[in-house]
């Protein structure tokens, strides 16, 4: 019986220390994990679903971004990275006798991904239909490996 009480006390001590740490950490800024293929994404942004399809001559990205107009979407391409963002703000106001109705809505999307192969940003094309953004990016030729002489 004494052994059981000792185990219970140890468990209660660990739980108390965990609660103390949680209370101390409350309100402190959280650390952001850096992922190799992702940039830092603030919590106020939605990270849209993304499919990357690599074909022989092109890379196709399909990104779900429902409820947007194509003018709300910004796409940035480099030879090895795709970055997509959108920022929409809507305000509605109705006035009738006896009441005023106001509604505000803001939504932000952001996604950045390292591409599996080099692409040609100048000849890439994007289409937005039914909430899905599709970006077709032609691959560039892979530079042949060359040896480098040490001086």
N, C-alpha and C. Protein backbone atom coordinates (compact mmCIF):
# COMPACT_ATOMS: atom_id res chain seq x y z
N UNK A 1 0.83 -1.20 0.00
CA UNK A 1 0.00 0.00 0.00
C UNK A 1 0.87 1.26 0.00
N UNK A 2 1.95 1.21 0.76
CA UNK A 2 2.85 2.35 0.86
C UNK A 2 3.49 2.67 -0.50
N UNK A 3 3.79 1.62 -1.26
CA UNK A 3 4.38 1.79 -2.59
C UNK A 3 3.40 2.47 -3.55
N UNK A 4 2.15 2.11 -3.44
CA UNK A 4 1.10 2.72 -4.28
C UNK A 4 0.95 4.20 -3.95
N UNK A 5 0.96 4.54 -2.68
CA UNK A 5 0.86 5.95 -2.27
C UNK A 5 2.05 6.76 -2.76
N UNK A 6 3.24 6.17 -2.73
CA UNK A 6 4.44 6.85 -3.21
C UNK A 6 4.35 7.13 -4.71
N UNK A 7 3.87 6.13 -5.50
CA UNK A 7 3.69 6.33 -6.93
C UNK A 7 2.66 7.42 -7.21
N UNK A 8 1.60 7.42 -6.42
CA UNK A 8 0.56 8.44 -6.58
C UNK A 8 1.12 9.84 -6.29
N UNK A 9 1.92 9.98 -5.24
CA UNK A 9 2.53 11.26 -4.90
C UNK A 9 3.46 11.73 -6.02
N UNK A 10 4.25 10.81 -6.57
CA UNK A 10 5.15 11.17 -7.68
C UNK A 10 4.35 11.65 -8.89
N UNK A 11 3.28 10.95 -9.18
CA UNK A 11 2.43 11.34 -10.31
C UNK A 11 1.82 12.73 -10.06
N UNK A 12 1.37 12.99 -8.84
CA UNK A 12 0.79 14.29 -8.50
C UNK A 12 1.84 15.40 -8.57
N UNK A 13 3.06 15.11 -8.15
CA UNK A 13 4.15 16.10 -8.24
C UNK A 13 4.44 16.46 -9.70
N UNK A 14 4.51 15.43 -10.57
CA UNK A 14 4.75 15.70 -11.99
C UNK A 14 3.62 16.52 -12.60
N UNK A 15 2.39 16.20 -12.23
CA UNK A 15 1.25 16.95 -12.75
C UNK A 15 1.30 18.41 -12.27
N UNK A 16 1.66 18.63 -11.01
CA UNK A 16 1.77 19.98 -10.47
C UNK A 16 2.85 20.78 -11.20
N UNK A 17 4.01 20.16 -11.48
CA UNK A 17 5.07 20.84 -12.20
C UNK A 17 4.65 21.18 -13.62
N UNK A 18 3.93 20.28 -14.26
CA UNK A 18 3.42 20.54 -15.61
C UNK A 18 2.46 21.72 -15.60
N UNK A 19 1.57 21.75 -14.64
CA UNK A 19 0.61 22.87 -14.54
C UNK A 19 1.34 24.18 -14.24
N UNK A 20 2.33 24.15 -13.37
CA UNK A 20 3.10 25.36 -13.06
C UNK A 20 3.80 25.90 -14.32
N UNK A 21 4.40 25.00 -15.12
CA UNK A 21 5.05 25.44 -16.36
C UNK A 21 4.03 26.02 -17.34
N UNK A 22 2.86 25.40 -17.44
CA UNK A 22 1.83 25.90 -18.35
C UNK A 22 1.37 27.29 -17.94
N UNK A 23 1.22 27.52 -16.65
CA UNK A 23 0.79 28.84 -16.17
C UNK A 23 1.88 29.88 -16.41
N UNK A 24 3.15 29.51 -16.19
CA UNK A 24 4.26 30.43 -16.44
C UNK A 24 4.36 30.81 -17.92
N UNK A 25 4.12 29.83 -18.80
CA UNK A 25 4.24 30.06 -20.24
C UNK A 25 3.03 30.76 -20.83
N UNK A 26 1.92 30.84 -20.09
CA UNK A 26 0.71 31.45 -20.63
C UNK A 26 0.96 32.90 -21.00
N UNK A 27 0.61 33.28 -22.22
CA UNK A 27 0.77 34.65 -22.68
C UNK A 27 2.10 34.94 -23.33
N UNK A 28 3.07 34.05 -23.20
CA UNK A 28 4.35 34.25 -23.86
C UNK A 28 4.21 33.94 -25.34
N UNK A 29 4.97 34.64 -26.18
CA UNK A 29 4.91 34.30 -27.60
C UNK A 29 5.43 32.89 -27.83
N UNK A 30 4.78 32.20 -28.73
CA UNK A 30 5.19 30.83 -29.03
C UNK A 30 6.33 30.84 -30.03
N UNK A 31 7.18 29.86 -29.93
CA UNK A 31 8.27 29.73 -30.89
C UNK A 31 7.71 29.18 -32.19
N UNK A 32 8.27 29.66 -33.28
CA UNK A 32 7.83 29.21 -34.60
C UNK A 32 8.84 28.18 -35.10
N UNK A 33 8.32 27.04 -35.56
CA UNK A 33 9.20 26.03 -36.14
C UNK A 33 9.49 26.40 -37.58
N UNK A 34 10.73 26.27 -37.97
CA UNK A 34 11.10 26.52 -39.35
C UNK A 34 11.16 25.19 -40.09
N UNK A 35 10.37 25.08 -41.13
CA UNK A 35 10.39 23.88 -41.96
C UNK A 35 11.21 24.19 -43.19
N UNK A 36 11.97 23.26 -43.70
CA UNK A 36 12.84 23.57 -44.83
C UNK A 36 12.10 24.03 -46.07
N UNK A 37 10.91 23.50 -46.34
CA UNK A 37 10.21 23.88 -47.56
C UNK A 37 9.18 24.99 -47.34
N UNK A 38 9.02 25.46 -46.14
CA UNK A 38 7.99 26.46 -45.85
C UNK A 38 8.61 27.71 -45.24
N UNK A 39 8.00 28.83 -45.52
CA UNK A 39 8.37 30.06 -44.82
C UNK A 39 7.57 30.11 -43.53
N UNK A 40 7.86 31.09 -42.71
CA UNK A 40 7.09 31.28 -41.48
C UNK A 40 5.69 31.76 -41.88
N UNK A 41 4.68 31.09 -41.36
CA UNK A 41 3.31 31.45 -41.69
C UNK A 41 2.65 31.97 -40.42
N UNK A 42 2.29 33.26 -40.39
CA UNK A 42 1.60 33.78 -39.20
C UNK A 42 0.28 33.05 -38.98
N UNK A 43 -0.14 32.94 -37.74
CA UNK A 43 -1.34 32.16 -37.41
C UNK A 43 -2.61 32.76 -38.00
N UNK A 44 -2.60 34.03 -38.37
CA UNK A 44 -3.82 34.64 -38.91
C UNK A 44 -4.05 34.26 -40.38
N UNK A 45 -3.12 33.56 -40.98
CA UNK A 45 -3.24 33.13 -42.36
C UNK A 45 -3.72 31.69 -42.43
N UNK A 46 -4.54 31.40 -43.42
CA UNK A 46 -4.93 30.02 -43.69
C UNK A 46 -3.90 29.43 -44.64
N UNK A 47 -3.57 28.19 -44.42
CA UNK A 47 -2.62 27.49 -45.28
C UNK A 47 -3.46 26.60 -46.20
N UNK A 48 -3.65 27.02 -47.46
CA UNK A 48 -4.52 26.25 -48.34
C UNK A 48 -3.93 24.89 -48.69
N UNK A 49 -4.82 23.95 -49.00
CA UNK A 49 -4.38 22.62 -49.44
C UNK A 49 -3.70 22.75 -50.80
N UNK A 50 -2.67 21.95 -50.98
CA UNK A 50 -1.84 22.08 -52.17
C UNK A 50 -1.45 20.70 -52.68
N UNK A 51 -1.57 20.50 -53.97
CA UNK A 51 -1.06 19.29 -54.63
C UNK A 51 -0.02 19.73 -55.64
N UNK A 52 1.14 19.08 -55.62
CA UNK A 52 2.19 19.33 -56.62
C UNK A 52 2.30 18.07 -57.45
N UNK A 53 2.16 18.22 -58.76
CA UNK A 53 2.24 17.10 -59.68
C UNK A 53 3.43 17.36 -60.60
N UNK A 54 4.39 16.45 -60.59
CA UNK A 54 5.56 16.61 -61.44
C UNK A 54 5.41 15.69 -62.65
N UNK A 55 5.40 16.29 -63.82
CA UNK A 55 5.35 15.53 -65.07
C UNK A 55 6.70 15.66 -65.76
N UNK A 56 6.82 15.04 -66.92
CA UNK A 56 8.10 15.03 -67.61
C UNK A 56 8.58 16.44 -67.96
N UNK A 57 7.67 17.29 -68.47
CA UNK A 57 8.07 18.61 -68.95
C UNK A 57 7.53 19.78 -68.14
N UNK A 58 6.72 19.49 -67.12
CA UNK A 58 6.14 20.59 -66.35
C UNK A 58 5.81 20.15 -64.93
N UNK A 59 5.61 21.15 -64.10
CA UNK A 59 5.14 20.95 -62.73
C UNK A 59 3.80 21.65 -62.63
N UNK A 60 2.81 20.96 -62.08
CA UNK A 60 1.47 21.52 -61.93
C UNK A 60 1.17 21.62 -60.44
N UNK A 61 0.73 22.81 -60.03
CA UNK A 61 0.31 23.02 -58.64
C UNK A 61 -1.19 23.27 -58.65
N UNK A 62 -1.92 22.54 -57.81
CA UNK A 62 -3.36 22.75 -57.63
C UNK A 62 -3.57 23.16 -56.18
N UNK A 63 -4.15 24.34 -56.01
CA UNK A 63 -4.29 24.92 -54.67
C UNK A 63 -5.76 25.27 -54.44
N UNK A 64 -6.31 24.77 -53.33
CA UNK A 64 -7.71 25.05 -52.99
C UNK A 64 -7.80 26.39 -52.27
N UNK A 65 -8.49 27.35 -52.89
CA UNK A 65 -8.69 28.67 -52.30
C UNK A 65 -10.12 29.12 -52.57
N UNK A 66 -11.10 28.51 -51.92
CA UNK A 66 -12.50 28.81 -52.22
C UNK A 66 -12.92 30.20 -51.76
N UNK A 67 -13.91 30.74 -52.46
CA UNK A 67 -14.50 32.01 -52.07
C UNK A 67 -13.75 33.25 -52.50
N UNK A 68 -12.80 33.11 -53.39
CA UNK A 68 -12.01 34.26 -53.83
C UNK A 68 -12.36 34.65 -55.25
N UNK A 69 -11.99 35.86 -55.59
CA UNK A 69 -12.01 36.30 -56.99
C UNK A 69 -10.56 36.20 -57.48
N UNK A 70 -10.40 35.99 -58.77
CA UNK A 70 -9.02 35.81 -59.26
C UNK A 70 -8.16 37.05 -59.02
N UNK A 71 -8.78 38.23 -58.93
CA UNK A 71 -8.02 39.46 -58.67
C UNK A 71 -7.50 39.54 -57.24
N UNK A 72 -8.04 38.71 -56.33
CA UNK A 72 -7.60 38.70 -54.93
C UNK A 72 -6.32 37.90 -54.72
N UNK A 73 -5.93 37.11 -55.72
CA UNK A 73 -4.82 36.16 -55.57
C UNK A 73 -3.53 36.74 -56.14
N UNK A 74 -2.45 36.60 -55.37
CA UNK A 74 -1.12 37.01 -55.82
C UNK A 74 -0.26 35.75 -55.92
N UNK A 75 0.44 35.63 -57.05
CA UNK A 75 1.33 34.49 -57.27
C UNK A 75 2.73 35.03 -57.54
N UNK A 76 3.71 34.51 -56.83
CA UNK A 76 5.11 34.85 -57.05
C UNK A 76 5.87 33.57 -57.36
N UNK A 77 6.66 33.61 -58.42
CA UNK A 77 7.45 32.45 -58.83
C UNK A 77 8.92 32.83 -58.96
N UNK A 78 9.77 31.94 -58.49
CA UNK A 78 11.19 32.01 -58.83
C UNK A 78 11.50 30.69 -59.53
N UNK A 79 12.74 30.47 -59.87
CA UNK A 79 13.04 29.23 -60.60
C UNK A 79 12.90 27.98 -59.73
N UNK A 80 12.77 28.14 -58.39
CA UNK A 80 12.64 26.95 -57.54
C UNK A 80 11.59 27.07 -56.45
N UNK A 81 10.81 28.15 -56.44
CA UNK A 81 9.84 28.36 -55.36
C UNK A 81 8.54 28.95 -55.90
N UNK A 82 7.44 28.47 -55.31
CA UNK A 82 6.10 28.99 -55.61
C UNK A 82 5.55 29.61 -54.33
N UNK A 83 5.03 30.82 -54.46
CA UNK A 83 4.44 31.52 -53.32
C UNK A 83 3.08 32.05 -53.75
N UNK A 84 2.04 31.69 -53.00
CA UNK A 84 0.68 32.12 -53.32
C UNK A 84 0.09 32.76 -52.08
N UNK A 85 -0.57 33.92 -52.27
CA UNK A 85 -1.22 34.58 -51.15
C UNK A 85 -2.49 35.27 -51.62
N UNK A 86 -3.37 35.53 -50.69
CA UNK A 86 -4.60 36.26 -50.98
C UNK A 86 -5.05 36.96 -49.70
N UNK A 87 -5.62 38.13 -49.88
CA UNK A 87 -6.11 38.90 -48.75
C UNK A 87 -7.43 39.52 -49.17
N UNK A 88 -8.52 39.06 -48.58
CA UNK A 88 -9.83 39.61 -48.94
C UNK A 88 -10.48 40.23 -47.72
N UNK A 89 -11.12 41.34 -47.96
CA UNK A 89 -11.87 42.03 -46.91
C UNK A 89 -13.25 42.34 -47.46
N UNK A 90 -14.26 42.03 -46.68
CA UNK A 90 -15.63 42.31 -47.08
C UNK A 90 -16.35 43.02 -45.94
N UNK A 91 -17.16 43.98 -46.31
CA UNK A 91 -18.00 44.66 -45.32
C UNK A 91 -19.41 44.74 -45.87
N UNK A 92 -20.37 44.43 -45.03
CA UNK A 92 -21.78 44.52 -45.41
C UNK A 92 -22.48 45.41 -44.39
N UNK A 93 -23.36 46.21 -44.89
CA UNK A 93 -24.13 47.07 -43.99
C UNK A 93 -25.55 47.20 -44.51
N UNK A 94 -26.51 46.98 -43.65
CA UNK A 94 -27.92 47.15 -44.00
C UNK A 94 -28.55 48.06 -42.96
N UNK A 95 -29.29 49.04 -43.44
CA UNK A 95 -29.98 49.94 -42.52
C UNK A 95 -31.47 49.88 -42.83
N UNK A 96 -32.20 49.62 -41.81
CA UNK A 96 -33.66 49.67 -41.91
C UNK A 96 -34.18 50.35 -40.66
N UNK A 97 -35.42 50.63 -40.69
CA UNK A 97 -36.01 51.33 -39.56
C UNK A 97 -35.90 50.48 -38.30
N UNK A 98 -35.24 51.01 -37.29
CA UNK A 98 -35.14 50.33 -36.02
C UNK A 98 -33.84 49.55 -35.80
N UNK A 99 -33.07 49.32 -36.86
CA UNK A 99 -31.82 48.60 -36.63
C UNK A 99 -30.81 48.87 -37.75
N UNK A 100 -29.56 48.63 -37.41
CA UNK A 100 -28.48 48.68 -38.39
C UNK A 100 -27.74 47.35 -38.28
N UNK A 101 -27.50 46.73 -39.40
CA UNK A 101 -26.78 45.45 -39.46
C UNK A 101 -25.46 45.68 -40.14
N UNK A 102 -24.35 45.34 -39.46
CA UNK A 102 -23.02 45.46 -40.04
C UNK A 102 -22.29 44.13 -39.86
N UNK A 103 -21.55 43.78 -40.88
CA UNK A 103 -20.75 42.55 -40.81
C UNK A 103 -19.43 42.79 -41.51
N UNK A 104 -18.36 42.32 -40.89
CA UNK A 104 -17.03 42.43 -41.48
C UNK A 104 -16.43 41.03 -41.56
N UNK A 105 -15.74 40.79 -42.65
CA UNK A 105 -15.11 39.49 -42.85
C UNK A 105 -13.75 39.71 -43.50
N UNK A 106 -12.75 39.07 -42.96
CA UNK A 106 -11.41 39.16 -43.54
C UNK A 106 -10.82 37.76 -43.56
N UNK A 107 -10.22 37.42 -44.67
CA UNK A 107 -9.61 36.11 -44.81
C UNK A 107 -8.29 36.26 -45.55
N UNK A 108 -7.28 35.58 -45.04
CA UNK A 108 -5.96 35.65 -45.65
C UNK A 108 -5.46 34.23 -45.89
N UNK A 109 -4.87 34.04 -47.05
CA UNK A 109 -4.26 32.77 -47.41
C UNK A 109 -2.77 33.01 -47.68
N UNK A 110 -1.95 32.01 -47.36
CA UNK A 110 -0.54 32.09 -47.70
C UNK A 110 0.03 30.68 -47.79
N UNK A 111 0.78 30.44 -48.85
CA UNK A 111 1.47 29.16 -48.99
C UNK A 111 2.73 29.38 -49.82
N UNK A 112 3.82 28.85 -49.35
CA UNK A 112 5.10 28.93 -50.05
C UNK A 112 5.69 27.54 -50.04
N UNK A 113 6.17 27.10 -51.21
CA UNK A 113 6.70 25.74 -51.29
C UNK A 113 7.90 25.71 -52.22
N UNK A 114 8.89 24.91 -51.85
CA UNK A 114 10.06 24.69 -52.68
C UNK A 114 9.67 23.66 -53.73
N UNK A 115 9.93 23.96 -55.00
CA UNK A 115 9.53 23.08 -56.09
C UNK A 115 10.55 21.96 -56.29
N UNK A 116 10.08 20.80 -56.77
CA UNK A 116 10.99 19.65 -56.92
C UNK A 116 11.99 19.77 -58.06
N UNK A 117 11.78 20.75 -58.96
CA UNK A 117 12.67 20.93 -60.10
C UNK A 117 12.65 22.40 -60.49
N UNK A 118 13.66 22.83 -61.22
CA UNK A 118 13.69 24.21 -61.69
C UNK A 118 12.60 24.45 -62.73
N UNK A 119 12.01 25.65 -62.70
CA UNK A 119 10.93 26.00 -63.63
C UNK A 119 11.25 27.31 -64.34
N UNK A 120 10.47 27.58 -65.38
CA UNK A 120 10.58 28.83 -66.12
C UNK A 120 9.42 29.74 -65.70
N UNK A 121 9.65 30.70 -64.79
CA UNK A 121 8.56 31.55 -64.31
C UNK A 121 7.91 32.39 -65.41
N UNK A 122 8.68 32.78 -66.43
CA UNK A 122 8.16 33.66 -67.47
C UNK A 122 7.13 32.97 -68.37
N UNK A 123 7.19 31.66 -68.50
CA UNK A 123 6.25 30.94 -69.37
C UNK A 123 5.22 30.14 -68.59
N UNK A 124 5.10 30.41 -67.31
CA UNK A 124 4.12 29.70 -66.48
C UNK A 124 2.74 30.34 -66.67
N UNK A 125 1.69 29.54 -66.48
CA UNK A 125 0.31 30.01 -66.65
C UNK A 125 -0.52 29.58 -65.46
N UNK A 126 -1.49 30.44 -65.10
CA UNK A 126 -2.37 30.14 -63.97
C UNK A 126 -3.82 30.32 -64.37
N UNK A 127 -4.68 29.43 -63.83
CA UNK A 127 -6.13 29.51 -64.03
C UNK A 127 -6.80 29.32 -62.68
N UNK A 128 -7.92 30.02 -62.49
CA UNK A 128 -8.68 29.89 -61.24
C UNK A 128 -10.12 29.59 -61.60
N UNK A 129 -10.59 28.42 -61.16
CA UNK A 129 -11.96 28.01 -61.48
C UNK A 129 -12.52 27.18 -60.34
N UNK A 130 -13.75 27.49 -59.93
CA UNK A 130 -14.46 26.73 -58.88
C UNK A 130 -13.65 26.60 -57.59
N UNK A 131 -12.94 27.65 -57.22
CA UNK A 131 -12.20 27.65 -55.96
C UNK A 131 -10.85 26.95 -56.00
N UNK A 132 -10.44 26.49 -57.19
CA UNK A 132 -9.15 25.81 -57.31
C UNK A 132 -8.25 26.60 -58.25
N UNK A 133 -7.07 26.96 -57.75
CA UNK A 133 -6.07 27.64 -58.54
C UNK A 133 -5.13 26.58 -59.12
N UNK A 134 -4.97 26.60 -60.44
CA UNK A 134 -4.07 25.65 -61.08
C UNK A 134 -2.97 26.43 -61.78
N UNK A 135 -1.73 26.10 -61.45
CA UNK A 135 -0.57 26.77 -62.02
C UNK A 135 0.27 25.74 -62.77
N UNK A 136 0.48 25.98 -64.06
CA UNK A 136 1.31 25.10 -64.87
C UNK A 136 2.65 25.79 -65.11
N UNK A 137 3.72 25.12 -64.69
CA UNK A 137 5.05 25.70 -64.75
C UNK A 137 5.96 24.78 -65.57
N UNK A 138 6.40 25.24 -66.75
CA UNK A 138 7.29 24.38 -67.54
C UNK A 138 8.65 24.25 -66.87
N UNK A 139 9.18 23.04 -66.93
CA UNK A 139 10.50 22.79 -66.34
C UNK A 139 11.59 23.39 -67.21
N UNK A 140 12.67 23.79 -66.58
CA UNK A 140 13.84 24.23 -67.32
C UNK A 140 14.79 23.03 -67.43
N UNK A 141 15.67 23.11 -68.38
CA UNK A 141 16.63 22.03 -68.51
C UNK A 141 17.55 22.02 -67.31
N UNK A 142 17.83 20.85 -66.87
CA UNK A 142 18.73 20.71 -65.73
C UNK A 142 20.15 20.90 -66.24
N UNK A 143 20.86 21.78 -65.59
CA UNK A 143 22.24 22.04 -65.98
C UNK A 143 23.07 20.79 -65.74
N UNK A 144 23.86 20.45 -66.74
CA UNK A 144 24.69 19.26 -66.60
C UNK A 144 25.73 19.47 -65.52
N UNK A 145 26.06 18.39 -64.86
CA UNK A 145 27.06 18.43 -63.81
C UNK A 145 28.42 18.70 -64.45
N UNK A 146 29.15 19.58 -63.83
CA UNK A 146 30.50 19.83 -64.33
C UNK A 146 31.47 19.83 -63.17
N UNK A 147 32.64 19.38 -63.44
CA UNK A 147 33.64 19.31 -62.38
C UNK A 147 34.31 20.68 -62.26
N UNK A 148 34.78 20.94 -61.08
CA UNK A 148 35.43 22.21 -60.77
C UNK A 148 36.82 21.91 -60.25
N UNK A 149 37.81 22.56 -60.85
CA UNK A 149 39.19 22.35 -60.47
C UNK A 149 39.52 23.24 -59.28
N UNK A 150 40.21 22.69 -58.31
CA UNK A 150 40.59 23.45 -57.13
C UNK A 150 41.88 24.18 -57.40
N UNK A 151 41.91 25.50 -57.15
CA UNK A 151 43.12 26.30 -57.36
C UNK A 151 44.09 26.15 -56.22
